[in-house]
């Protein structure tokens, strides 16, 4: 996957995740986006030869990235993680920030992307993390949620 195509998918997934999160949170989400990334979040069998693996990325995390920085980190040799779970995790005065949890398997074959049928390539839209004891009928504030800890 070329970088411009991946950027297009990232921005599209971000907008859908942003809209989806609005149905769960009380916070006024900003339309300027930032990203936090966790690499190699999956438990992969590195014997699968159709994928590229980067074991040096284990436990690597990046914070407060713009979309171009995300593309530079996740697009490698025109390959991207086969799944990337995206969800709103926080909001501040300027930005809505998304968590990107990434598989450790990289591919350039769209048939390997988990969410291909949704039209979002490797991106899976997830809800924000719900706070403990969350009542599904009520919206919650992100600062009170049980956010993923990095």
C-alpha atoms as a PDB file:
ATOM      1  CA  UNK A   1       0.000   0.000   0.000  1.00  0.00           C
ATOM      2  CA  UNK A   2       1.393   3.356  -0.981  1.00  0.00           C
ATOM      3  CA  UNK A   3       1.594   6.120   1.608  1.00  0.00           C
ATOM      4  CA  UNK A   4      -1.068   8.370   0.019  1.00  0.00           C
ATOM      5  CA  UNK A   5      -3.580   5.489   0.015  1.00  0.00           C
ATOM      6  CA  UNK A   6      -2.778   4.663   3.637  1.00  0.00           C
ATOM      7  CA  UNK A   7      -3.160   8.340   4.608  1.00  0.00           C
ATOM      8  CA  UNK A   8      -6.564   8.397   2.906  1.00  0.00           C
ATOM      9  CA  UNK A   9      -7.673   5.308   4.868  1.00  0.00           C
ATOM     10  CA  UNK A  10      -6.280   6.715   8.133  1.00  0.00           C
ATOM     11  CA  UNK A  11      -8.159   9.986   7.738  1.00  0.00           C
ATOM     12  CA  UNK A  12     -11.365   8.195   6.743  1.00  0.00           C
ATOM     13  CA  UNK A  13     -11.143   5.800   9.703  1.00  0.00           C
ATOM     14  CA  UNK A  14     -10.389   8.726  12.004  1.00  0.00           C
ATOM     15  CA  UNK A  15     -13.477  10.608  10.899  1.00  0.00           C
ATOM     16  CA  UNK A  16     -15.716   7.529  11.286  1.00  0.00           C
ATOM     17  CA  UNK A  17     -14.233   6.793  14.725  1.00  0.00           C
ATOM     18  CA  UNK A  18     -14.711  10.443  15.708  1.00  0.00           C
ATOM     19  CA  UNK A  19     -18.387  10.348  14.688  1.00  0.00           C
ATOM     20  CA  UNK A  20     -18.892   6.972  16.388  1.00  0.00           C
ATOM     21  CA  UNK A  21     -17.348   8.230  19.646  1.00  0.00           C
ATOM     22  CA  UNK A  22     -19.757  11.181  19.737  1.00  0.00           C
ATOM     23  CA  UNK A  23     -22.572   8.743  20.446  1.00  0.00           C
ATOM     24  CA  UNK A  24     -20.783   7.581  23.622  1.00  0.00           C
ATOM     25  CA  UNK A  25     -19.044  10.587  25.140  1.00  0.00           C
ATOM     26  CA  UNK A  26     -20.174  13.882  26.640  1.00  0.00           C
ATOM     27  CA  UNK A  27     -16.949  15.644  25.685  1.00  0.00           C
ATOM     28  CA  UNK A  28     -16.923  18.102  22.807  1.00  0.00           C
ATOM     29  CA  UNK A  29     -14.544  16.347  20.431  1.00  0.00           C
ATOM     30  CA  UNK A  30     -12.220  18.481  18.320  1.00  0.00           C
ATOM     31  CA  UNK A  31     -11.916  18.020  14.579  1.00  0.00           C
ATOM     32  CA  UNK A  32      -8.113  18.306  14.701  1.00  0.00           C
ATOM     33  CA  UNK A  33      -6.637  14.874  15.316  1.00  0.00           C
ATOM     34  CA  UNK A  34      -3.599  13.374  17.033  1.00  0.00           C
ATOM     35  CA  UNK A  35      -2.617   9.746  17.452  1.00  0.00           C
ATOM     36  CA  UNK A  36      -1.021   7.449  20.017  1.00  0.00           C
ATOM     37  CA  UNK A  37       0.343   4.159  18.647  1.00  0.00           C
ATOM     38  CA  UNK A  38       1.153   0.814  20.200  1.00  0.00           C
ATOM     39  CA  UNK A  39       3.101  -1.413  17.825  1.00  0.00           C
ATOM     40  CA  UNK A  40       3.051  -5.223  17.759  1.00  0.00           C
ATOM     41  CA  UNK A  41      -0.040  -5.498  19.928  1.00  0.00           C
ATOM     42  CA  UNK A  42      -0.743  -8.961  18.530  1.00  0.00           C
ATOM     43  CA  UNK A  43       0.815 -12.288  19.418  1.00  0.00           C
ATOM     44  CA  UNK A  44       2.184 -13.344  16.035  1.00  0.00           C
ATOM     45  CA  UNK A  45       3.685 -16.512  14.677  1.00  0.00           C
ATOM     46  CA  UNK A  46       6.762 -15.148  12.921  1.00  0.00           C
ATOM     47  CA  UNK A  47       7.011 -18.349  10.848  1.00  0.00           C
ATOM     48  CA  UNK A  48       4.250 -17.026   8.540  1.00  0.00           C
ATOM     49  CA  UNK A  49       6.375 -16.082   5.550  1.00  0.00           C
ATOM     50  CA  UNK A  50       3.784 -13.945   3.764  1.00  0.00           C
ATOM     51  CA  UNK A  51       4.221 -11.201   6.372  1.00  0.00           C
ATOM     52  CA  UNK A  52       6.983  -8.866   7.457  1.00  0.00           C
ATOM     53  CA  UNK A  53       7.702  -8.718  11.178  1.00  0.00           C
ATOM     54  CA  UNK A  54       9.583  -6.144  13.229  1.00  0.00           C
ATOM     55  CA  UNK A  55      10.413  -7.731  16.597  1.00  0.00           C
ATOM     56  CA  UNK A  56      12.403  -4.634  17.520  1.00  0.00           C
ATOM     57  CA  UNK A  57       9.041  -2.850  17.729  1.00  0.00           C
ATOM     58  CA  UNK A  58       7.849  -4.916  20.696  1.00  0.00           C
ATOM     59  CA  UNK A  59       6.662  -2.554  23.437  1.00  0.00           C
ATOM     60  CA  UNK A  60       7.231   0.535  21.267  1.00  0.00           C
ATOM     61  CA  UNK A  61       4.767   3.337  21.778  1.00  0.00           C
ATOM     62  CA  UNK A  62       4.441   6.754  20.193  1.00  0.00           C
ATOM     63  CA  UNK A  63       2.402   9.690  21.417  1.00  0.00           C
ATOM     64  CA  UNK A  64       0.823  12.855  20.085  1.00  0.00           C
ATOM     65  CA  UNK A  65       1.575  12.176  16.418  1.00  0.00           C
ATOM     66  CA  UNK A  66       0.057  13.906  13.436  1.00  0.00           C
ATOM     67  CA  UNK A  67      -1.273  11.880  10.506  1.00  0.00           C
ATOM     68  CA  UNK A  68       1.925  12.159   8.447  1.00  0.00           C
ATOM     69  CA  UNK A  69       4.015  10.852  11.333  1.00  0.00           C
ATOM     70  CA  UNK A  70       1.623   7.899  11.649  1.00  0.00           C
ATOM     71  CA  UNK A  71       2.000   7.134   7.957  1.00  0.00           C
ATOM     72  CA  UNK A  72       5.799   7.301   8.199  1.00  0.00           C
ATOM     73  CA  UNK A  73       5.823   4.878  11.140  1.00  0.00           C
ATOM     74  CA  UNK A  74       3.268   2.362   9.878  1.00  0.00           C
ATOM     75  CA  UNK A  75       3.953   2.249   6.122  1.00  0.00           C
ATOM     76  CA  UNK A  76       7.066   0.136   5.624  1.00  0.00           C
ATOM     77  CA  UNK A  77       8.137  -1.059   2.215  1.00  0.00           C
ATOM     78  CA  UNK A  78       4.540  -0.372   1.077  1.00  0.00           C
ATOM     79  CA  UNK A  79       3.266  -2.759   3.756  1.00  0.00           C
ATOM     80  CA  UNK A  80       1.069  -1.921   6.740  1.00  0.00           C
ATOM     81  CA  UNK A  81      -0.199  -3.822   9.804  1.00  0.00           C
ATOM     82  CA  UNK A  82      -2.970  -6.263   8.833  1.00  0.00           C
ATOM     83  CA  UNK A  83      -5.190  -4.760  11.514  1.00  0.00           C
ATOM     84  CA  UNK A  84      -5.182  -1.426  13.278  1.00  0.00           C
ATOM     85  CA  UNK A  85      -7.852  -0.829  15.901  1.00  0.00           C
ATOM     86  CA  UNK A  86      -8.683   2.869  16.102  1.00  0.00           C
ATOM     87  CA  UNK A  87     -10.624   4.511  18.921  1.00  0.00           C
ATOM     88  CA  UNK A  88     -10.964   7.921  20.506  1.00  0.00           C
ATOM     89  CA  UNK A  89      -9.064   7.975  23.791  1.00  0.00           C
ATOM     90  CA  UNK A  90      -8.898  11.600  24.899  1.00  0.00           C
ATOM     91  CA  UNK A  91      -9.665  15.186  24.037  1.00  0.00           C
ATOM     92  CA  UNK A  92      -8.040  18.456  25.067  1.00  0.00           C
ATOM     93  CA  UNK A  93      -8.447  22.100  24.106  1.00  0.00           C
ATOM     94  CA  UNK A  94      -6.990  21.536  20.629  1.00  0.00           C
ATOM     95  CA  UNK A  95      -7.140  17.882  19.633  1.00  0.00           C
ATOM     96  CA  UNK A  96      -9.053  14.640  19.696  1.00  0.00           C
ATOM     97  CA  UNK A  97      -6.536  11.842  20.207  1.00  0.00           C
ATOM     98  CA  UNK A  98      -6.964   8.297  18.916  1.00  0.00           C
ATOM     99  CA  UNK A  99      -5.389   5.061  20.086  1.00  0.00           C
ATOM    100  CA  UNK A 100      -4.002   2.956  17.255  1.00  0.00           C
ATOM    101  CA  UNK A 101      -3.408  -0.624  18.385  1.00  0.00           C
ATOM    102  CA  UNK A 102      -1.457  -2.369  15.639  1.00  0.00           C
ATOM    103  CA  UNK A 103      -0.863  -5.953  14.613  1.00  0.00           C
ATOM    104  CA  UNK A 104       2.742  -7.031  14.277  1.00  0.00           C
ATOM    105  CA  UNK A 105       2.164  -8.586  10.852  1.00  0.00           C
ATOM    106  CA  UNK A 106       2.751  -6.268   7.886  1.00  0.00           C
ATOM    107  CA  UNK A 107       1.384  -6.978   4.427  1.00  0.00           C
ATOM    108  CA  UNK A 108       0.827  -5.309   1.080  1.00  0.00           C
ATOM    109  CA  UNK A 109      -1.928  -7.803   0.214  1.00  0.00           C
ATOM    110  CA  UNK A 110      -5.366  -6.243   0.806  1.00  0.00           C
ATOM    111  CA  UNK A 111      -6.851  -9.734   1.226  1.00  0.00           C
ATOM    112  CA  UNK A 112      -4.860 -10.011   4.469  1.00  0.00           C
ATOM    113  CA  UNK A 113      -6.401  -6.842   5.979  1.00  0.00           C
ATOM    114  CA  UNK A 114      -8.918  -7.738   8.668  1.00  0.00           C
ATOM    115  CA  UNK A 115     -11.393  -4.962   7.902  1.00  0.00           C
ATOM    116  CA  UNK A 116     -11.144  -4.999   4.106  1.00  0.00           C
ATOM    117  CA  UNK A 117     -14.846  -5.839   3.727  1.00  0.00           C
ATOM    118  CA  UNK A 118     -15.747  -2.641   5.616  1.00  0.00           C
ATOM    119  CA  UNK A 119     -13.851  -0.574   3.048  1.00  0.00           C
ATOM    120  CA  UNK A 120     -11.433   0.645   5.712  1.00  0.00           C
ATOM    121  CA  UNK A 121      -8.411  -1.479   4.765  1.00  0.00           C
ATOM    122  CA  UNK A 122      -6.635  -2.490   7.958  1.00  0.00           C
ATOM    123  CA  UNK A 123      -8.617  -0.100  10.195  1.00  0.00           C
ATOM    124  CA  UNK A 124     -11.215  -1.403  12.641  1.00  0.00           C
ATOM    125  CA  UNK A 125     -13.394   1.259  14.228  1.00  0.00           C
ATOM    126  CA  UNK A 126     -13.782   0.659  17.969  1.00  0.00           C
ATOM    127  CA  UNK A 127     -15.660   2.531  20.670  1.00  0.00           C
ATOM    128  CA  UNK A 128     -13.829   4.535  23.307  1.00  0.00           C
ATOM    129  CA  UNK A 129     -12.950   2.450  26.378  1.00  0.00           C
ATOM    130  CA  UNK A 130     -15.939   2.424  28.686  1.00  0.00           C
ATOM    131  CA  UNK A 131     -15.471   3.339  32.342  1.00  0.00           C
ATOM    132  CA  UNK A 132     -16.040   0.614  34.917  1.00  0.00           C
ATOM    133  CA  UNK A 133     -19.737   0.128  35.650  1.00  0.00           C
ATOM    134  CA  UNK A 134     -20.747   2.111  32.577  1.00  0.00           C
ATOM    135  CA  UNK A 135     -24.504   2.380  31.978  1.00  0.00           C
ATOM    136  CA  UNK A 136     -24.994   1.808  28.248  1.00  0.00           C
ATOM    137  CA  UNK A 137     -27.799   4.363  28.149  1.00  0.00           C
ATOM    138  CA  UNK A 138     -25.635   7.238  29.398  1.00  0.00           C
ATOM    139  CA  UNK A 139     -22.801   9.131  27.832  1.00  0.00           C
ATOM    140  CA  UNK A 140     -19.549   9.444  29.784  1.00  0.00           C
ATOM    141  CA  UNK A 141     -16.650  11.867  29.945  1.00  0.00           C
ATOM    142  CA  UNK A 142     -13.389  10.581  28.523  1.00  0.00           C
ATOM    143  CA  UNK A 143     -11.354  11.835  31.473  1.00  0.00           C
ATOM    144  CA  UNK A 144     -13.367   9.514  33.731  1.00  0.00           C
ATOM    145  CA  UNK A 145     -13.089   6.531  31.442  1.00  0.00           C
ATOM    146  CA  UNK A 146     -10.870   3.534  31.960  1.00  0.00           C
ATOM    147  CA  UNK A 147      -8.517   4.576  29.190  1.00  0.00           C
ATOM    148  CA  UNK A 148      -5.821   2.343  27.866  1.00  0.00           C
ATOM    149  CA  UNK A 149      -2.708   2.982  29.891  1.00  0.00           C
ATOM    150  CA  UNK A 150       0.545   3.313  27.985  1.00  0.00           C
END
